[in-house]
């Protein structure tokens, strides 16, 4: 086995999802400047996360929709005069009876 393979600073840290305000203990060797007290009363280094399984829409089931209308308008401005867009428009138009 190779010596000095793992860093010596592998330690218990607090991971905190700042969007969901949820914290848990884990182990990491990531460097951090912050520290905080956990529920057990001990102080640990703090690693702040922007997203985790507690706040990710896939895991929570709460999907956030972005400005889809703006995206559609942008697409139509860019490709509205193309041959492909005209074919789609012709297929979607209902046939009129005379």
N, C-alpha and C. Protein backbone atom coordinates (compact mmCIF):
# COMPACT_ATOMS: atom_id res chain seq x y z
N UNK A 1 0.83 -1.17 0.00
CA UNK A 1 0.00 0.00 0.00
C UNK A 1 0.88 1.25 0.00
N UNK A 2 0.50 2.25 -0.76
CA UNK A 2 1.27 3.49 -0.83
C UNK A 2 1.09 4.31 0.44
N UNK A 3 2.20 4.84 0.92
CA UNK A 3 2.13 5.70 2.10
C UNK A 3 1.77 7.12 1.66
N UNK A 4 1.15 7.83 2.56
CA UNK A 4 0.73 9.23 2.35
C UNK A 4 -0.18 9.39 1.13
N UNK A 5 -1.01 8.38 0.89
CA UNK A 5 -1.95 8.44 -0.22
C UNK A 5 -3.15 9.34 0.11
N UNK A 6 -3.66 9.20 1.32
CA UNK A 6 -4.82 9.99 1.73
C UNK A 6 -4.37 11.23 2.48
N UNK A 7 -5.08 12.32 2.32
CA UNK A 7 -4.71 13.54 3.05
C UNK A 7 -4.94 13.36 4.55
N UNK A 8 -4.13 14.03 5.33
CA UNK A 8 -4.26 13.92 6.79
C UNK A 8 -5.46 14.69 7.31
N UNK A 9 -5.99 15.60 6.52
CA UNK A 9 -7.07 16.46 7.00
C UNK A 9 -8.47 15.88 6.76
N UNK A 10 -8.59 14.58 6.52
CA UNK A 10 -9.90 13.96 6.35
C UNK A 10 -10.59 13.98 7.70
N UNK A 11 -11.68 14.73 7.80
CA UNK A 11 -12.29 14.99 9.10
C UNK A 11 -13.80 15.07 8.98
N UNK A 12 -14.46 15.09 10.12
CA UNK A 12 -15.91 15.26 10.18
C UNK A 12 -16.24 16.73 9.96
N UNK A 13 -17.20 16.99 9.07
CA UNK A 13 -17.61 18.36 8.74
C UNK A 13 -19.13 18.43 8.72
N UNK A 14 -19.63 19.65 8.77
CA UNK A 14 -21.07 19.89 8.61
C UNK A 14 -21.29 20.30 7.16
N UNK A 15 -22.20 19.60 6.48
CA UNK A 15 -22.65 20.02 5.16
C UNK A 15 -23.98 20.72 5.35
N UNK A 16 -24.12 21.94 4.80
CA UNK A 16 -25.36 22.71 4.95
C UNK A 16 -25.85 23.13 3.58
N UNK A 17 -27.08 22.71 3.25
CA UNK A 17 -27.75 23.18 2.05
C UNK A 17 -28.37 24.53 2.39
N UNK A 18 -27.83 25.59 1.79
CA UNK A 18 -28.28 26.93 2.17
C UNK A 18 -29.66 27.27 1.62
N UNK A 19 -30.12 26.58 0.57
CA UNK A 19 -31.46 26.83 0.04
C UNK A 19 -32.53 26.17 0.89
N UNK A 20 -32.28 24.97 1.38
CA UNK A 20 -33.27 24.25 2.17
C UNK A 20 -33.04 24.42 3.66
N UNK A 21 -31.92 25.03 4.06
CA UNK A 21 -31.54 25.21 5.46
C UNK A 21 -31.54 23.87 6.21
N UNK A 22 -30.87 22.89 5.63
CA UNK A 22 -30.75 21.56 6.22
C UNK A 22 -29.27 21.27 6.39
N UNK A 23 -28.90 20.69 7.55
CA UNK A 23 -27.50 20.37 7.83
C UNK A 23 -27.37 18.90 8.20
N UNK A 24 -26.22 18.32 7.89
CA UNK A 24 -25.90 16.96 8.28
C UNK A 24 -24.40 16.81 8.42
N UNK A 25 -24.00 15.81 9.19
CA UNK A 25 -22.58 15.53 9.38
C UNK A 25 -22.10 14.57 8.32
N UNK A 26 -20.90 14.79 7.88
CA UNK A 26 -20.26 13.91 6.92
C UNK A 26 -18.76 14.02 7.09
N UNK A 27 -18.02 13.38 6.21
CA UNK A 27 -16.57 13.45 6.29
C UNK A 27 -16.03 13.97 4.98
N UNK A 28 -15.03 14.84 5.06
CA UNK A 28 -14.47 15.44 3.87
C UNK A 28 -13.07 15.95 4.17
N UNK A 29 -12.29 16.13 3.11
CA UNK A 29 -10.98 16.76 3.26
C UNK A 29 -10.97 18.12 2.55
N UNK A 30 -12.14 18.60 2.13
CA UNK A 30 -12.24 19.90 1.47
C UNK A 30 -11.88 21.01 2.46
N UNK A 31 -11.16 22.00 1.96
CA UNK A 31 -10.77 23.13 2.82
C UNK A 31 -11.95 24.08 2.99
N UNK A 32 -12.08 24.61 4.18
CA UNK A 32 -13.17 25.53 4.47
C UNK A 32 -12.69 26.59 5.46
N UNK A 33 -13.30 27.76 5.38
CA UNK A 33 -12.94 28.85 6.29
C UNK A 33 -13.93 28.97 7.44
N UNK A 34 -15.14 28.45 7.26
CA UNK A 34 -16.20 28.61 8.24
C UNK A 34 -16.28 27.40 9.16
N UNK A 35 -16.85 27.63 10.33
CA UNK A 35 -17.14 26.54 11.26
C UNK A 35 -18.45 26.87 11.96
N UNK A 36 -19.11 25.84 12.48
CA UNK A 36 -20.38 26.03 13.15
C UNK A 36 -20.58 24.92 14.16
N UNK A 37 -21.53 25.13 15.05
CA UNK A 37 -21.86 24.13 16.06
C UNK A 37 -23.01 23.29 15.56
N UNK A 38 -22.87 21.97 15.65
CA UNK A 38 -23.91 21.06 15.20
C UNK A 38 -24.84 20.75 16.37
N UNK A 39 -25.90 19.99 16.11
CA UNK A 39 -26.91 19.66 17.12
C UNK A 39 -26.34 18.95 18.33
N UNK A 40 -25.21 18.23 18.16
CA UNK A 40 -24.62 17.50 19.29
C UNK A 40 -23.80 18.40 20.20
N UNK A 41 -23.68 19.69 19.87
CA UNK A 41 -22.97 20.65 20.70
C UNK A 41 -21.51 20.82 20.34
N UNK A 42 -20.98 20.03 19.43
CA UNK A 42 -19.58 20.13 19.02
C UNK A 42 -19.44 21.08 17.84
N UNK A 43 -18.28 21.70 17.72
CA UNK A 43 -18.01 22.61 16.62
C UNK A 43 -17.24 21.87 15.54
N UNK A 44 -17.70 22.03 14.28
CA UNK A 44 -17.10 21.36 13.13
C UNK A 44 -16.88 22.38 12.02
N UNK A 45 -15.97 22.09 11.09
CA UNK A 45 -15.86 22.93 9.90
C UNK A 45 -17.16 22.87 9.10
N UNK A 46 -17.52 23.96 8.42
CA UNK A 46 -18.79 24.07 7.71
C UNK A 46 -18.54 24.16 6.21
N UNK A 47 -19.22 23.30 5.45
CA UNK A 47 -19.19 23.36 3.99
C UNK A 47 -20.59 23.71 3.52
N UNK A 48 -20.71 24.85 2.84
CA UNK A 48 -22.02 25.33 2.37
C UNK A 48 -22.26 24.81 0.95
N UNK A 49 -23.45 24.26 0.73
CA UNK A 49 -23.85 23.73 -0.56
C UNK A 49 -25.00 24.56 -1.10
N UNK A 50 -24.98 24.84 -2.40
CA UNK A 50 -26.09 25.57 -3.01
C UNK A 50 -27.26 24.65 -3.31
N UNK A 51 -26.98 23.39 -3.57
CA UNK A 51 -28.06 22.45 -3.90
C UNK A 51 -27.67 21.06 -3.43
N UNK A 52 -28.65 20.33 -2.95
CA UNK A 52 -28.46 18.94 -2.53
C UNK A 52 -29.76 18.20 -2.81
N UNK A 53 -29.84 16.97 -2.35
CA UNK A 53 -31.08 16.21 -2.58
C UNK A 53 -32.25 16.82 -1.82
N UNK A 54 -31.99 17.66 -0.84
CA UNK A 54 -33.06 18.31 -0.08
C UNK A 54 -33.70 19.47 -0.84
N UNK A 55 -32.98 20.05 -1.81
CA UNK A 55 -33.52 21.21 -2.52
C UNK A 55 -33.57 21.02 -4.03
N UNK A 56 -33.05 19.93 -4.57
CA UNK A 56 -33.05 19.72 -6.02
C UNK A 56 -34.45 19.34 -6.48
N UNK A 57 -34.96 19.97 -7.54
CA UNK A 57 -36.33 19.70 -8.00
C UNK A 57 -36.58 18.23 -8.35
N UNK A 58 -35.58 17.52 -8.82
CA UNK A 58 -35.77 16.11 -9.17
C UNK A 58 -36.14 15.29 -7.94
N UNK A 59 -35.51 15.56 -6.81
CA UNK A 59 -35.75 14.79 -5.59
C UNK A 59 -36.94 15.31 -4.80
N UNK A 60 -37.24 16.61 -4.88
CA UNK A 60 -38.33 17.18 -4.10
C UNK A 60 -39.66 17.09 -4.82
N UNK A 61 -39.64 16.96 -6.16
CA UNK A 61 -40.87 16.93 -6.93
C UNK A 61 -41.45 18.30 -7.20
N UNK A 62 -40.77 19.34 -6.81
CA UNK A 62 -41.23 20.72 -7.04
C UNK A 62 -40.44 21.30 -8.20
N UNK A 63 -41.00 21.20 -9.37
CA UNK A 63 -40.32 21.70 -10.56
C UNK A 63 -40.48 23.21 -10.64
N UNK A 64 -39.43 23.90 -11.02
CA UNK A 64 -39.48 25.34 -11.20
C UNK A 64 -39.39 25.62 -12.69
N UNK A 65 -40.41 26.27 -13.21
CA UNK A 65 -40.43 26.57 -14.63
C UNK A 65 -39.78 27.92 -14.89
N UNK A 66 -38.98 27.96 -15.90
CA UNK A 66 -38.32 29.20 -16.29
C UNK A 66 -39.14 29.88 -17.36
N UNK A 67 -38.68 30.97 -17.85
CA UNK A 67 -39.38 31.79 -18.84
C UNK A 67 -39.44 31.05 -20.18
N UNK A 68 -40.40 30.13 -20.33
CA UNK A 68 -40.49 29.36 -21.56
C UNK A 68 -41.03 30.21 -22.71
N UNK A 69 -41.91 31.16 -22.40
CA UNK A 69 -42.45 32.02 -23.47
C UNK A 69 -41.34 32.82 -24.10
N UNK A 70 -40.42 33.32 -23.30
CA UNK A 70 -39.29 34.06 -23.83
C UNK A 70 -38.41 33.19 -24.71
N UNK A 71 -38.25 31.95 -24.34
CA UNK A 71 -37.44 31.03 -25.14
C UNK A 71 -38.10 30.71 -26.47
N UNK A 72 -39.41 30.56 -26.45
CA UNK A 72 -40.13 30.26 -27.69
C UNK A 72 -40.06 31.45 -28.64
N UNK A 73 -40.25 32.66 -28.10
CA UNK A 73 -40.14 33.86 -28.94
C UNK A 73 -38.74 34.00 -29.52
N UNK A 74 -37.75 33.72 -28.73
CA UNK A 74 -36.37 33.80 -29.21
C UNK A 74 -36.13 32.78 -30.32
N UNK A 75 -36.67 31.57 -30.16
CA UNK A 75 -36.54 30.55 -31.20
C UNK A 75 -37.23 30.99 -32.49
N UNK A 76 -38.45 31.52 -32.36
CA UNK A 76 -39.20 31.96 -33.54
C UNK A 76 -38.51 33.11 -34.26
N UNK A 77 -37.90 34.02 -33.51
CA UNK A 77 -37.17 35.11 -34.15
C UNK A 77 -35.97 34.58 -34.91
N UNK A 78 -35.32 33.57 -34.36
CA UNK A 78 -34.10 33.06 -34.97
C UNK A 78 -34.40 32.13 -36.14
N UNK A 79 -35.40 31.26 -36.00
CA UNK A 79 -35.66 30.23 -37.00
C UNK A 79 -37.04 30.35 -37.65
N UNK A 80 -37.77 31.42 -37.41
CA UNK A 80 -39.13 31.56 -37.90
C UNK A 80 -39.26 31.57 -39.41
N UNK A 81 -38.25 32.01 -40.12
CA UNK A 81 -38.31 32.09 -41.57
C UNK A 81 -37.65 30.89 -42.25
N UNK A 82 -37.25 29.91 -41.48
CA UNK A 82 -36.56 28.77 -42.07
C UNK A 82 -37.54 27.83 -42.77
N UNK A 83 -37.02 27.00 -43.63
CA UNK A 83 -37.82 26.03 -44.37
C UNK A 83 -38.50 25.05 -43.41
N UNK A 84 -37.78 24.65 -42.35
CA UNK A 84 -38.31 23.70 -41.38
C UNK A 84 -39.51 24.28 -40.63
N UNK A 85 -39.42 25.54 -40.21
CA UNK A 85 -40.51 26.18 -39.48
C UNK A 85 -41.76 26.30 -40.36
N UNK A 86 -41.58 26.58 -41.66
CA UNK A 86 -42.73 26.68 -42.56
C UNK A 86 -43.42 25.34 -42.71
N UNK A 87 -42.66 24.25 -42.78
CA UNK A 87 -43.27 22.92 -42.90
C UNK A 87 -44.09 22.59 -41.67
N UNK A 88 -43.56 22.93 -40.48
CA UNK A 88 -44.31 22.67 -39.27
C UNK A 88 -45.60 23.47 -39.25
N UNK A 89 -45.54 24.72 -39.65
CA UNK A 89 -46.72 25.56 -39.67
C UNK A 89 -47.77 25.06 -40.64
N UNK A 90 -47.36 24.52 -41.78
CA UNK A 90 -48.31 24.00 -42.76
C UNK A 90 -48.99 22.73 -42.26
N UNK A 91 -48.25 21.88 -41.55
CA UNK A 91 -48.82 20.63 -41.06
C UNK A 91 -49.82 20.88 -39.94
N UNK A 92 -49.56 21.89 -39.12
CA UNK A 92 -50.43 22.16 -37.99
C UNK A 92 -51.71 22.87 -38.39
N UNK A 93 -51.73 23.56 -39.50
CA UNK A 93 -52.92 24.30 -39.92
C UNK A 93 -53.98 23.30 -40.39
N UNK A 94 -55.23 23.43 -39.88
CA UNK A 94 -56.28 22.51 -40.30
C UNK A 94 -56.71 22.78 -41.74
N UNK A 95 -57.11 21.74 -42.41
CA UNK A 95 -57.56 21.88 -43.80
C UNK A 95 -58.94 22.52 -43.81
N UNK A 96 -59.15 23.49 -44.70
CA UNK A 96 -60.43 24.17 -44.77
C UNK A 96 -61.27 23.49 -45.85
N UNK A 97 -62.55 23.37 -45.56
CA UNK A 97 -63.46 22.74 -46.52
C UNK A 97 -64.13 23.83 -47.35
N UNK A 98 -64.27 23.60 -48.65
CA UNK A 98 -64.89 24.59 -49.53
C UNK A 98 -66.30 24.24 -49.87
